[in-house]
Amino acid sequence: MKTTEKTFRPDIRPGATVRVHQKITEMNTKGENKERIQVFEGVVFARKHGSEIGAGITVRRISEGVGVEKVYPLFSPLITKIEVLKQGVVRRAKLAYLRDPNKKLKDSRKK
């Protein structure tokens, strides 16, 4: 596969709950390389660069009370599969309000 070819990815938009399968290469104590698939499930926080080759998504989840964000290039050969579990209804392109749910959104109409 050439690096300029795009692989098929489902329509992923902010607010979607996705499961990203990523290929991880590890080295064991004997020095042998071992590959495994790591799954990261969370909410799509942002999508950047549309449908370009350099497009990417930011996925966020809460792990043991701490927020974890990972940025995935959509067309990376290390991403084996992206499953869209459900699509949430959002009105913003970047969901920064998910970082601190206690903080209120600024309303530009109030004076």
PDB file of N, CA and C in Angstrom:
ATOM      1  N   MET A   1       0.835  -1.173   0.000  1.00  0.00           N
ATOM      2  CA  MET A   1       0.000   0.000   0.000  1.00  0.00           C
ATOM      3  C   MET A   1       0.885   1.244   0.000  1.00  0.00           C
ATOM      4  N   LYS A   2       0.630   2.152  -0.879  1.00  0.00           N
ATOM      5  CA  LYS A   2       1.389   3.386  -0.929  1.00  0.00           C
ATOM      6  C   LYS A   2       0.989   4.276   0.240  1.00  0.00           C
ATOM      7  N   THR A   3       1.886   5.188   0.596  1.00  0.00           N
ATOM      8  CA  THR A   3       1.564   6.076   1.711  1.00  0.00           C
ATOM      9  C   THR A   3       0.550   7.137   1.305  1.00  0.00           C
ATOM     10  N   THR A   4       0.393   7.370  -0.014  1.00  0.00           N
ATOM     11  CA  THR A   4      -0.551   8.397  -0.441  1.00  0.00           C
ATOM     12  C   THR A   4      -1.957   7.851  -0.630  1.00  0.00           C
ATOM     13  N   GLU A   5      -2.123   6.533  -0.602  1.00  0.00           N
ATOM     14  CA  GLU A   5      -3.457   5.962  -0.763  1.00  0.00           C
ATOM     15  C   GLU A   5      -4.245   6.085   0.531  1.00  0.00           C
ATOM     16  N   LYS A   6      -5.524   6.396   0.388  1.00  0.00           N
ATOM     17  CA  LYS A   6      -6.389   6.477   1.557  1.00  0.00           C
ATOM     18  C   LYS A   6      -7.075   5.130   1.766  1.00  0.00           C
ATOM     19  N   THR A   7      -7.195   4.738   3.016  1.00  0.00           N
ATOM     20  CA  THR A   7      -7.983   3.563   3.338  1.00  0.00           C
ATOM     21  C   THR A   7      -9.370   4.040   3.729  1.00  0.00           C
ATOM     22  N   PHE A   8     -10.344   3.171   3.617  1.00  0.00           N
ATOM     23  CA  PHE A   8     -11.712   3.570   3.947  1.00  0.00           C
ATOM     24  C   PHE A   8     -11.854   3.756   5.447  1.00  0.00           C
ATOM     25  N   ARG A   9     -12.419   4.868   5.847  1.00  0.00           N
ATOM     26  CA  ARG A   9     -12.753   5.129   7.238  1.00  0.00           C
ATOM     27  C   ARG A   9     -14.196   5.575   7.290  1.00  0.00           C
ATOM     28  N   PRO A  10     -14.944   5.137   8.282  1.00  0.00           N
ATOM     29  CA  PRO A  10     -16.342   5.572   8.392  1.00  0.00           C
ATOM     30  C   PRO A  10     -16.407   7.065   8.680  1.00  0.00           C
ATOM     31  N   ASP A  11     -17.587   7.648   8.492  1.00  0.00           N
ATOM     32  CA  ASP A  11     -17.787   9.067   8.760  1.00  0.00           C
ATOM     33  C   ASP A  11     -17.710   9.287  10.263  1.00  0.00           C
ATOM     34  N   ILE A  12     -16.597   9.861  10.703  1.00  0.00           N
ATOM     35  CA  ILE A  12     -16.361  10.069  12.121  1.00  0.00           C
ATOM     36  C   ILE A  12     -16.483  11.562  12.394  1.00  0.00           C
ATOM     37  N   ARG A  13     -17.406  11.908  13.284  1.00  0.00           N
ATOM     38  CA  ARG A  13     -17.633  13.311  13.616  1.00  0.00           C
ATOM     39  C   ARG A  13     -17.515  13.515  15.117  1.00  0.00           C
ATOM     40  N   PRO A  14     -17.280  14.751  15.561  1.00  0.00           N
ATOM     41  CA  PRO A  14     -17.215  15.006  17.007  1.00  0.00           C
ATOM     42  C   PRO A  14     -18.509  14.577  17.695  1.00  0.00           C
ATOM     43  N   GLY A  15     -18.371  14.032  18.883  1.00  0.00           N
ATOM     44  CA  GLY A  15     -19.523  13.547  19.633  1.00  0.00           C
ATOM     45  C   GLY A  15     -19.766  12.058  19.465  1.00  0.00           C
ATOM     46  N   ALA A  16     -19.089  11.434  18.508  1.00  0.00           N
ATOM     47  CA  ALA A  16     -19.272  10.001  18.279  1.00  0.00           C
ATOM     48  C   ALA A  16     -18.473   9.212  19.313  1.00  0.00           C
ATOM     49  N   THR A  17     -19.033   8.117  19.767  1.00  0.00           N
ATOM     50  CA  THR A  17     -18.301   7.191  20.627  1.00  0.00           C
ATOM     51  C   THR A  17     -17.693   6.140  19.709  1.00  0.00           C
ATOM     52  N   VAL A  18     -16.358   6.031  19.742  1.00  0.00           N
ATOM     53  CA  VAL A  18     -15.658   5.141  18.825  1.00  0.00           C
ATOM     54  C   VAL A  18     -14.763   4.184  19.599  1.00  0.00           C
ATOM     55  N   ARG A  19     -14.417   3.107  18.928  1.00  0.00           N
ATOM     56  CA  ARG A  19     -13.457   2.135  19.430  1.00  0.00           C
ATOM     57  C   ARG A  19     -12.350   2.047  18.380  1.00  0.00           C
ATOM     58  N   VAL A  20     -11.136   2.459  18.765  1.00  0.00           N
ATOM     59  CA  VAL A  20      -9.999   2.503  17.832  1.00  0.00           C
ATOM     60  C   VAL A  20      -9.090   1.318  18.131  1.00  0.00           C
ATOM     61  N   HIS A  21      -8.792   0.515  17.103  1.00  0.00           N
ATOM     62  CA  HIS A  21      -7.892  -0.636  17.225  1.00  0.00           C
ATOM     63  C   HIS A  21      -6.546  -0.233  16.633  1.00  0.00           C
ATOM     64  N   GLN A  22      -5.508  -0.228  17.477  1.00  0.00           N
ATOM     65  CA  GLN A  22      -4.186   0.211  17.052  1.00  0.00           C
ATOM     66  C   GLN A  22      -3.181  -0.919  17.219  1.00  0.00           C
ATOM     67  N   LYS A  23      -2.305  -1.072  16.235  1.00  0.00           N
ATOM     68  CA  LYS A  23      -1.271  -2.095  16.277  1.00  0.00           C
ATOM     69  C   LYS A  23      -0.104  -1.576  17.118  1.00  0.00           C
ATOM     70  N   ILE A  24       0.297  -2.329  18.134  1.00  0.00           N
ATOM     71  CA  ILE A  24       1.386  -1.962  19.032  1.00  0.00           C
ATOM     72  C   ILE A  24       2.483  -3.009  18.898  1.00  0.00           C
ATOM     73  N   THR A  25       3.731  -2.553  18.734  1.00  0.00           N
ATOM     74  CA  THR A  25       4.869  -3.460  18.672  1.00  0.00           C
ATOM     75  C   THR A  25       5.631  -3.341  19.980  1.00  0.00           C
ATOM     76  N   GLU A  26       5.830  -4.488  20.645  1.00  0.00           N
ATOM     77  CA  GLU A  26       6.531  -4.513  21.920  1.00  0.00           C
ATOM     78  C   GLU A  26       7.716  -5.467  21.821  1.00  0.00           C
ATOM     79  N   MET A  27       8.686  -5.245  22.693  1.00  0.00           N
ATOM     80  CA  MET A  27       9.832  -6.142  22.744  1.00  0.00           C
ATOM     81  C   MET A  27       9.798  -6.868  24.089  1.00  0.00           C
ATOM     82  N   ASN A  28       9.883  -8.204  24.036  1.00  0.00           N
ATOM     83  CA  ASN A  28       9.863  -8.956  25.292  1.00  0.00           C
ATOM     84  C   ASN A  28      11.272  -9.051  25.872  1.00  0.00           C
ATOM     85  N   THR A  29      11.441  -9.759  26.972  1.00  0.00           N
ATOM     86  CA  THR A  29      12.740  -9.838  27.647  1.00  0.00           C
ATOM     87  C   THR A  29      13.794 -10.555  26.824  1.00  0.00           C
ATOM     88  N   LYS A  30      13.379 -11.399  25.892  1.00  0.00           N
ATOM     89  CA  LYS A  30      14.330 -12.126  25.048  1.00  0.00           C
ATOM     90  C   LYS A  30      14.768 -11.295  23.841  1.00  0.00           C
ATOM     91  N   GLY A  31      14.179 -10.116  23.684  1.00  0.00           N
ATOM     92  CA  GLY A  31      14.545  -9.257  22.563  1.00  0.00           C
ATOM     93  C   GLY A  31      13.737  -9.516  21.309  1.00  0.00           C
ATOM     94  N   GLU A  32      12.672 -10.274  21.414  1.00  0.00           N
ATOM     95  CA  GLU A  32      11.830 -10.570  20.252  1.00  0.00           C
ATOM     96  C   GLU A  32      10.729  -9.523  20.136  1.00  0.00           C
ATOM     97  N   ASN A  33      10.465  -9.086  18.910  1.00  0.00           N
ATOM     98  CA  ASN A  33       9.370  -8.143  18.680  1.00  0.00           C
ATOM     99  C   ASN A  33       8.053  -8.899  18.638  1.00  0.00           C
ATOM    100  N   LYS A  34       7.061  -8.332  19.283  1.00  0.00           N
ATOM    101  CA  LYS A  34       5.757  -8.975  19.366  1.00  0.00           C
ATOM    102  C   LYS A  34       4.702  -7.925  19.062  1.00  0.00           C
ATOM    103  N   GLU A  35       3.753  -8.244  18.199  1.00  0.00           N
ATOM    104  CA  GLU A  35       2.687  -7.310  17.855  1.00  0.00           C
ATOM    105  C   GLU A  35       1.393  -7.708  18.538  1.00  0.00           C
ATOM    106  N   ARG A  36       0.651  -6.685  18.957  1.00  0.00           N
ATOM    107  CA  ARG A  36      -0.676  -6.921  19.517  1.00  0.00           C
ATOM    108  C   ARG A  36      -1.562  -5.750  19.126  1.00  0.00           C
ATOM    109  N   ILE A  37      -2.859  -5.944  19.293  1.00  0.00           N
ATOM    110  CA  ILE A  37      -3.837  -4.907  18.981  1.00  0.00           C
ATOM    111  C   ILE A  37      -4.312  -4.301  20.293  1.00  0.00           C
ATOM    112  N   GLN A  38      -4.191  -2.970  20.421  1.00  0.00           N
ATOM    113  CA  GLN A  38      -4.670  -2.270  21.600  1.00  0.00           C
ATOM    114  C   GLN A  38      -5.940  -1.509  21.232  1.00  0.00           C
ATOM    115  N   VAL A  39      -6.968  -1.635  22.059  1.00  0.00           N
ATOM    116  CA  VAL A  39      -8.258  -0.999  21.786  1.00  0.00           C
ATOM    117  C   VAL A  39      -8.421   0.185  22.739  1.00  0.00           C
ATOM    118  N   PHE A  40      -8.798   1.330  22.179  1.00  0.00           N
ATOM    119  CA  PHE A  40      -9.051   2.538  22.968  1.00  0.00           C
ATOM    120  C   PHE A  40     -10.447   3.021  22.622  1.00  0.00           C
ATOM    121  N   GLU A  41     -11.317   3.093  23.621  1.00  0.00           N
ATOM    122  CA  GLU A  41     -12.709   3.493  23.389  1.00  0.00           C
ATOM    123  C   GLU A  41     -12.975   4.818  24.084  1.00  0.00           C
ATOM    124  N   GLY A  42     -13.598   5.751  23.367  1.00  0.00           N
ATOM    125  CA  GLY A  42     -13.907   7.045  23.943  1.00  0.00           C
ATOM    126  C   GLY A  42     -14.730   7.901  23.001  1.00  0.00           C
ATOM    127  N   VAL A  43     -14.872   9.170  23.371  1.00  0.00           N
ATOM    128  CA  VAL A  43     -15.671  10.119  22.604  1.00  0.00           C
ATOM    129  C   VAL A  43     -14.742  10.929  21.702  1.00  0.00           C
ATOM    130  N   VAL A  44     -15.153  11.121  20.449  1.00  0.00           N
ATOM    131  CA  VAL A  44     -14.363  11.938  19.529  1.00  0.00           C
ATOM    132  C   VAL A  44     -14.511  13.385  19.974  1.00  0.00           C
ATOM    133  N   PHE A  45     -13.402  13.967  20.325  1.00  0.00           N
ATOM    134  CA  PHE A  45     -13.324  15.308  20.880  1.00  0.00           C
ATOM    135  C   PHE A  45     -13.206  16.347  19.768  1.00  0.00           C
ATOM    136  N   ALA A  46     -12.444  16.003  18.721  1.00  0.00           N
ATOM    137  CA  ALA A  46     -12.221  16.919  17.606  1.00  0.00           C
ATOM    138  C   ALA A  46     -11.787  16.124  16.385  1.00  0.00           C
ATOM    139  N   ARG A  47     -12.025  16.718  15.227  1.00  0.00           N
ATOM    140  CA  ARG A  47     -11.527  16.155  13.979  1.00  0.00           C
ATOM    141  C   ARG A  47     -10.814  17.271  13.243  1.00  0.00           C
ATOM    142  N   LYS A  48      -9.646  16.968  12.718  1.00  0.00           N
ATOM    143  CA  LYS A  48      -8.858  17.995  12.051  1.00  0.00           C
ATOM    144  C   LYS A  48      -8.513  17.596  10.626  1.00  0.00           C
ATOM    145  N   HIS A  49      -8.453  18.559   9.766  1.00  0.00           N
ATOM    146  CA  HIS A  49      -8.008  18.451   8.377  1.00  0.00           C
ATOM    147  C   HIS A  49      -8.928  17.626   7.491  1.00  0.00           C
ATOM    148  N   GLY A  50     -10.200  17.563   7.819  1.00  0.00           N
ATOM    149  CA  GLY A  50     -11.219  16.991   6.938  1.00  0.00           C
ATOM    150  C   GLY A  50     -10.917  15.600   6.435  1.00  0.00           C
ATOM    151  N   SER A  51     -10.826  15.461   5.099  1.00  0.00           N
ATOM    152  CA  SER A  51     -10.587  14.143   4.505  1.00  0.00           C
ATOM    153  C   SER A  51      -9.212  14.069   3.853  1.00  0.00           C
ATOM    154  N   GLU A  52      -8.293  14.935   4.254  1.00  0.00           N
ATOM    155  CA  GLU A  52      -6.935  14.909   3.717  1.00  0.00           C
ATOM    156  C   GLU A  52      -6.189  13.681   4.211  1.00  0.00           C
ATOM    157  N   ILE A  53      -5.021  13.447   3.631  1.00  0.00           N
ATOM    158  CA  ILE A  53      -4.170  12.350   4.087  1.00  0.00           C
ATOM    159  C   ILE A  53      -3.728  12.594   5.529  1.00  0.00           C
ATOM    160  N   GLY A  54      -3.515  13.843   5.913  1.00  0.00           N
ATOM    161  CA  GLY A  54      -3.058  14.169   7.260  1.00  0.00           C
ATOM    162  C   GLY A  54      -4.172  14.324   8.267  1.00  0.00           C
ATOM    163  N   ALA A  55      -5.381  13.873   7.947  1.00  0.00           N
ATOM    164  CA  ALA A  55      -6.528  14.033   8.848  1.00  0.00           C
ATOM    165  C   ALA A  55      -6.329  13.227  10.121  1.00  0.00           C
ATOM    166  N   GLY A  56      -6.903  13.737  11.209  1.00  0.00           N
ATOM    167  CA  GLY A  56      -6.779  13.033  12.470  1.00  0.00           C
ATOM    168  C   GLY A  56      -7.958  13.307  13.379  1.00  0.00           C
ATOM    169  N   ILE A  57      -8.088  12.479  14.399  1.00  0.00           N
ATOM    170  CA  ILE A  57      -9.141  12.669  15.391  1.00  0.00           C
ATOM    171  C   ILE A  57      -8.508  12.638  16.774  1.00  0.00           C
ATOM    172  N   THR A  58      -9.146  13.326  17.710  1.00  0.00           N
ATOM    173  CA  THR A  58      -8.751  13.286  19.109  1.00  0.00           C
ATOM    174  C   THR A  58      -9.848  12.541  19.861  1.00  0.00           C
ATOM    175  N   VAL A  59      -9.467  11.488  20.570  1.00  0.00           N
ATOM    176  CA  VAL A  59     -10.420  10.658  21.297  1.00  0.00           C
ATOM    177  C   VAL A  59     -10.137  10.812  22.789  1.00  0.00           C
ATOM    178  N   ARG A  60     -11.189  11.013  23.569  1.00  0.00           N
ATOM    179  CA  ARG A  60     -11.049  11.240  25.013  1.00  0.00           C
ATOM    180  C   ARG A  60     -11.881  10.235  25.790  1.00  0.00           C
ATOM    181  N   ARG A  61     -11.316   9.782  26.895  1.00  0.00           N
ATOM    182  CA  ARG A  61     -12.060   8.935  27.813  1.00  0.00           C
ATOM    183  C   ARG A  61     -11.579   9.188  29.230  1.00  0.00           C
ATOM    184  N   ILE A  62     -12.359   8.770  30.196  1.00  0.00           N
ATOM    185  CA  ILE A  62     -11.987   8.907  31.600  1.00  0.00           C
ATOM    186  C   ILE A  62     -11.490   7.545  32.070  1.00  0.00           C
ATOM    187  N   SER A  63     -10.254   7.494  32.542  1.00  0.00           N
ATOM    188  CA  SER A  63      -9.664   6.253  33.012  1.00  0.00           C
ATOM    189  C   SER A  63      -9.235   6.432  34.465  1.00  0.00           C
ATOM    190  N   GLU A  64      -9.894   5.727  35.373  1.00  0.00           N
ATOM    191  CA  GLU A  64      -9.621   5.788  36.806  1.00  0.00           C
ATOM    192  C   GLU A  64      -9.683   7.218  37.330  1.00  0.00           C
ATOM    193  N   GLY A  65     -10.665   7.974  36.868  1.00  0.00           N
ATOM    194  CA  GLY A  65     -10.876   9.336  37.340  1.00  0.00           C
ATOM    195  C   GLY A  65     -10.015  10.389  36.669  1.00  0.00           C
ATOM    196  N   VAL A  66      -9.171   9.986  35.720  1.00  0.00           N
ATOM    197  CA  VAL A  66      -8.288  10.919  35.029  1.00  0.00           C
ATOM    198  C   VAL A  66      -8.661  10.931  33.559  1.00  0.00           C
ATOM    199  N   GLY A  67      -8.783  12.115  32.973  1.00  0.00           N
ATOM    200  CA  GLY A  67      -9.092  12.226  31.551  1.00  0.00           C
ATOM    201  C   GLY A  67      -7.874  11.886  30.702  1.00  0.00           C
ATOM    202  N   VAL A  68      -8.059  11.028  29.706  1.00  0.00           N
ATOM    203  CA  VAL A  68      -6.978  10.623  28.812  1.00  0.00           C
ATOM    204  C   VAL A  68      -7.395  10.968  27.391  1.00  0.00           C
ATOM    205  N   GLU A  69      -6.547  11.714  26.680  1.00  0.00           N
ATOM    206  CA  GLU A  69      -6.814  12.063  25.288  1.00  0.00           C
ATOM    207  C   GLU A  69      -5.716  11.491  24.416  1.00  0.00           C
ATOM    208  N   LYS A  70      -6.106  10.905  23.294  1.00  0.00           N
ATOM    209  CA  LYS A  70      -5.142  10.395  22.325  1.00  0.00           C
ATOM    210  C   LYS A  70      -5.485  10.966  20.968  1.00  0.00           C
ATOM    211  N   VAL A  71      -4.461  11.319  20.213  1.00  0.00           N
ATOM    212  CA  VAL A  71      -4.638  11.847  18.864  1.00  0.00           C
ATOM    213  C   VAL A  71      -4.242  10.740  17.893  1.00  0.00           C
ATOM    214  N   TYR A  72      -5.151  10.399  16.991  1.00  0.00           N
ATOM    215  CA  TYR A  72      -4.904   9.344  16.017  1.00  0.00           C
ATOM    216  C   TYR A  72      -4.921   9.908  14.602  1.00  0.00           C
ATOM    217  N   PRO A  73      -3.870   9.664  13.814  1.00  0.00           N
ATOM    218  CA  PRO A  73      -3.953   9.985  12.386  1.00  0.00           C
ATOM    219  C   PRO A  73      -4.897   8.973  11.743  1.00  0.00           C
ATOM    220  N   LEU A  74      -5.874   9.447  10.990  1.00  0.00           N
ATOM    221  CA  LEU A  74      -6.897   8.542  10.448  1.00  0.00           C
ATOM    222  C   LEU A  74      -6.343   7.530   9.457  1.00  0.00           C
ATOM    223  N   PHE A  75      -5.376   7.937   8.668  1.00  0.00           N
ATOM    224  CA  PHE A  75      -4.907   7.063   7.593  1.00  0.00           C
ATOM    225  C   PHE A  75      -3.566   6.419   7.909  1.00  0.00           C
ATOM    226  N   SER A  76      -3.267   6.254   9.197  1.00  0.00           N
ATOM    227  CA  SER A  76      -2.040   5.590   9.614  1.00  0.00           C
ATOM    228  C   SER A  76      -2.154   4.085   9.370  1.00  0.00           C
ATOM    229  N   PRO A  77      -1.077   3.441   8.917  1.00  0.00           N
ATOM    230  CA  PRO A  77      -1.125   1.981   8.747  1.00  0.00           C
ATOM    231  C   PRO A  77      -1.202   1.233  10.080  1.00  0.00           C
ATOM    232  N   LEU A  78      -0.922   1.911  11.187  1.00  0.00           N
ATOM    233  CA  LEU A  78      -1.004   1.265  12.493  1.00  0.00           C
ATOM    234  C   LEU A  78      -2.439   1.170  13.007  1.00  0.00           C
ATOM    235  N   ILE A  79      -3.343   1.970  12.468  1.00  0.00           N
ATOM    236  CA  ILE A  79      -4.751   1.902  12.855  1.00  0.00           C
ATOM    237  C   ILE A  79      -5.396   0.808  12.014  1.00  0.00           C
ATOM    238  N   THR A  80      -5.781  -0.279  12.656  1.00  0.00           N
ATOM    239  CA  THR A  80      -6.343  -1.399  11.905  1.00  0.00           C
ATOM    240  C   THR A  80      -7.843  -1.242  11.664  1.00  0.00           C
ATOM    241  N   LYS A  81      -8.550  -0.671  12.668  1.00  0.00           N
ATOM    242  CA  LYS A  81      -9.999  -0.558  12.522  1.00  0.00           C
ATOM    243  C   LYS A  81     -10.509   0.536  13.442  1.00  0.00           C
ATOM    244  N   ILE A  82     -11.549   1.247  12.963  1.00  0.00           N
ATOM    245  CA  ILE A  82     -12.244   2.220  13.798  1.00  0.00           C
ATOM    246  C   ILE A  82     -13.721   1.877  13.745  1.00  0.00           C
ATOM    247  N   GLU A  83     -14.290   1.557  14.899  1.00  0.00           N
ATOM    248  CA  GLU A  83     -15.711   1.230  14.977  1.00  0.00           C
ATOM    249  C   GLU A  83     -16.458   2.419  15.571  1.00  0.00           C
ATOM    250  N   VAL A  84     -17.529   2.848  14.915  1.00  0.00           N
ATOM    251  CA  VAL A  84     -18.378   3.902  15.467  1.00  0.00           C
ATOM    252  C   VAL A  84     -19.499   3.211  16.224  1.00  0.00           C
ATOM    253  N   LEU A  85     -19.523   3.369  17.550  1.00  0.00           N
ATOM    254  CA  LEU A  85     -20.523   2.700  18.373  1.00  0.00           C
ATOM    255  C   LEU A  85     -21.828   3.479  18.399  1.00  0.00           C
ATOM    256  N   LYS A  86     -21.748   4.799  18.577  1.00  0.00           N
ATOM    257  CA  LYS A  86     -22.943   5.634  18.523  1.00  0.00           C
ATOM    258  C   LYS A  86     -22.527   7.059  18.196  1.00  0.00           C
ATOM    259  N   GLN A  87     -23.453   7.824  17.661  1.00  0.00           N
ATOM    260  CA  GLN A  87     -23.199   9.215  17.299  1.00  0.00           C
ATOM    261  C   GLN A  87     -24.006  10.121  18.213  1.00  0.00           C
ATOM    262  N   GLY A  88     -23.315  10.987  18.936  1.00  0.00           N
ATOM    263  CA  GLY A  88     -23.983  11.938  19.810  1.00  0.00           C
ATOM    264  C   GLY A  88     -24.366  13.188  19.035  1.00  0.00           C
ATOM    265  N   VAL A  89     -25.317  13.941  19.561  1.00  0.00           N
ATOM    266  CA  VAL A  89     -25.746  15.181  18.925  1.00  0.00           C
ATOM    267  C   VAL A  89     -24.969  16.324  19.565  1.00  0.00           C
ATOM    268  N   VAL A  90     -24.136  16.985  18.772  1.00  0.00           N
ATOM    269  CA  VAL A  90     -23.352  18.118  19.262  1.00  0.00           C
ATOM    270  C   VAL A  90     -23.489  19.272  18.281  1.00  0.00           C
ATOM    271  N   ARG A  91     -23.209  20.467  18.770  1.00  0.00           N
ATOM    272  CA  ARG A  91     -23.313  21.654  17.923  1.00  0.00           C
ATOM    273  C   ARG A  91     -21.975  22.360  17.777  1.00  0.00           C
ATOM    274  N   ARG A  92     -20.909  21.709  18.135  1.00  0.00           N
ATOM    275  CA  ARG A  92     -19.595  22.313  18.033  1.00  0.00           C
ATOM    276  C   ARG A  92     -18.633  21.374  17.329  1.00  0.00           C
ATOM    277  N   ALA A  93     -17.597  21.955  16.724  1.00  0.00           N
ATOM    278  CA  ALA A  93     -16.583  21.155  16.043  1.00  0.00           C
ATOM    279  C   ALA A  93     -15.548  20.632  17.032  1.00  0.00           C
ATOM    280  N   LYS A  94     -15.259  21.390  18.074  1.00  0.00           N
ATOM    281  CA  LYS A  94     -14.306  20.979  19.094  1.00  0.00           C
ATOM    282  C   LYS A  94     -15.043  20.975  20.437  1.00  0.00           C
ATOM    283  N   LEU A  95     -15.031  19.848  21.106  1.00  0.00           N
ATOM    284  CA  LEU A  95     -15.837  19.682  22.319  1.00  0.00           C
ATOM    285  C   LEU A  95     -15.019  19.968  23.577  1.00  0.00           C
ATOM    286  N   ALA A  96     -14.480  21.177  23.677  1.00  0.00           N
ATOM    287  CA  ALA A  96     -13.629  21.551  24.810  1.00  0.00           C
ATOM    288  C   ALA A  96     -14.393  21.529  26.125  1.00  0.00           C
ATOM    289  N   TYR A  97     -15.702  21.673  26.083  1.00  0.00           N
ATOM    290  CA  TYR A  97     -16.480  21.668  27.320  1.00  0.00           C
ATOM    291  C   TYR A  97     -16.491  20.305  27.992  1.00  0.00           C
ATOM    292  N   LEU A  98     -16.056  19.262  27.318  1.00  0.00           N
ATOM    293  CA  LEU A  98     -15.990  17.941  27.947  1.00  0.00           C
ATOM    294  C   LEU A  98     -14.804  17.827  28.905  1.00  0.00           C
ATOM    295  N   ARG A  99     -13.804  18.698  28.742  1.00  0.00           N
ATOM    296  CA  ARG A  99     -12.640  18.640  29.631  1.00  0.00           C
ATOM    297  C   ARG A  99     -13.024  18.991  31.059  1.00  0.00           C
ATOM    298  N   ASP A 100     -13.847  20.004  31.225  1.00  0.00           N
ATOM    299  CA  ASP A 100     -14.288  20.411  32.556  1.00  0.00           C
ATOM    300  C   ASP A 100     -15.799  20.590  32.523  1.00  0.00           C
ATOM    301  N   PRO A 101     -16.552  19.546  32.830  1.00  0.00           N
ATOM    302  CA  PRO A 101     -18.012  19.632  32.724  1.00  0.00           C
ATOM    303  C   PRO A 101     -18.635  20.600  33.728  1.00  0.00           C
ATOM    304  N   ASN A 102     -17.903  20.977  34.784  1.00  0.00           N
ATOM    305  CA  ASN A 102     -18.443  21.902  35.776  1.00  0.00           C
ATOM    306  C   ASN A 102     -18.372  23.351  35.316  1.00  0.00           C
ATOM    307  N   LYS A 103     -17.496  23.625  34.340  1.00  0.00           N
ATOM    308  CA  LYS A 103     -17.354  24.984  33.847  1.00  0.00           C
ATOM    309  C   LYS A 103     -18.493  25.294  32.881  1.00  0.00           C
ATOM    310  N   LYS A 104     -19.096  26.446  33.003  1.00  0.00           N
ATOM    311  CA  LYS A 104     -20.209  26.835  32.137  1.00  0.00           C
ATOM    312  C   LYS A 104     -19.672  27.429  30.837  1.00  0.00           C
ATOM    313  N   LEU A 105     -20.425  27.211  29.755  1.00  0.00           N
ATOM    314  CA  LEU A 105     -20.067  27.827  28.483  1.00  0.00           C
ATOM    315  C   LEU A 105     -20.329  29.323  28.557  1.00  0.00           C
ATOM    316  N   LYS A 106     -19.437  30.096  27.959  1.00  0.00           N
ATOM    317  CA  LYS A 106     -19.670  31.532  27.899  1.00  0.00           C
ATOM    318  C   LYS A 106     -20.757  31.809  26.876  1.00  0.00           C
ATOM    319  N   ASP A 107     -21.708  32.617  27.242  1.00  0.00           N
ATOM    320  CA  ASP A 107     -22.755  32.998  26.318  1.00  0.00           C
ATOM    321  C   ASP A 107     -22.458  34.403  25.840  1.00  0.00           C
ATOM    322  N   SER A 108     -22.137  34.520  24.560  1.00  0.00           N
ATOM    323  CA  SER A 108     -21.726  35.816  24.011  1.00  0.00           C
ATOM    324  C   SER A 108     -22.890  36.812  23.983  1.00  0.00           C
ATOM    325  N   ARG A 109     -24.133  36.354  24.123  1.00  0.00           N
ATOM    326  CA  ARG A 109     -25.276  37.252  24.081  1.00  0.00           C
ATOM    327  C   ARG A 109     -25.484  37.984  25.398  1.00  0.00           C
ATOM    328  N   LYS A 110     -24.986  37.420  26.501  1.00  0.00           N
ATOM    329  CA  LYS A 110     -25.143  38.087  27.803  1.00  0.00           C
ATOM    330  C   LYS A 110     -24.190  39.267  27.892  1.00  0.00           C
ATOM    331  N   LYS A 111     -24.651  40.319  28.547  1.00  0.00           N
ATOM    332  CA  LYS A 111     -23.785  41.491  28.691  1.00  0.00           C
ATOM    333  C   LYS A 111     -23.784  41.987  30.097  1.00  0.00           C
TER     334      LYS A 111
END
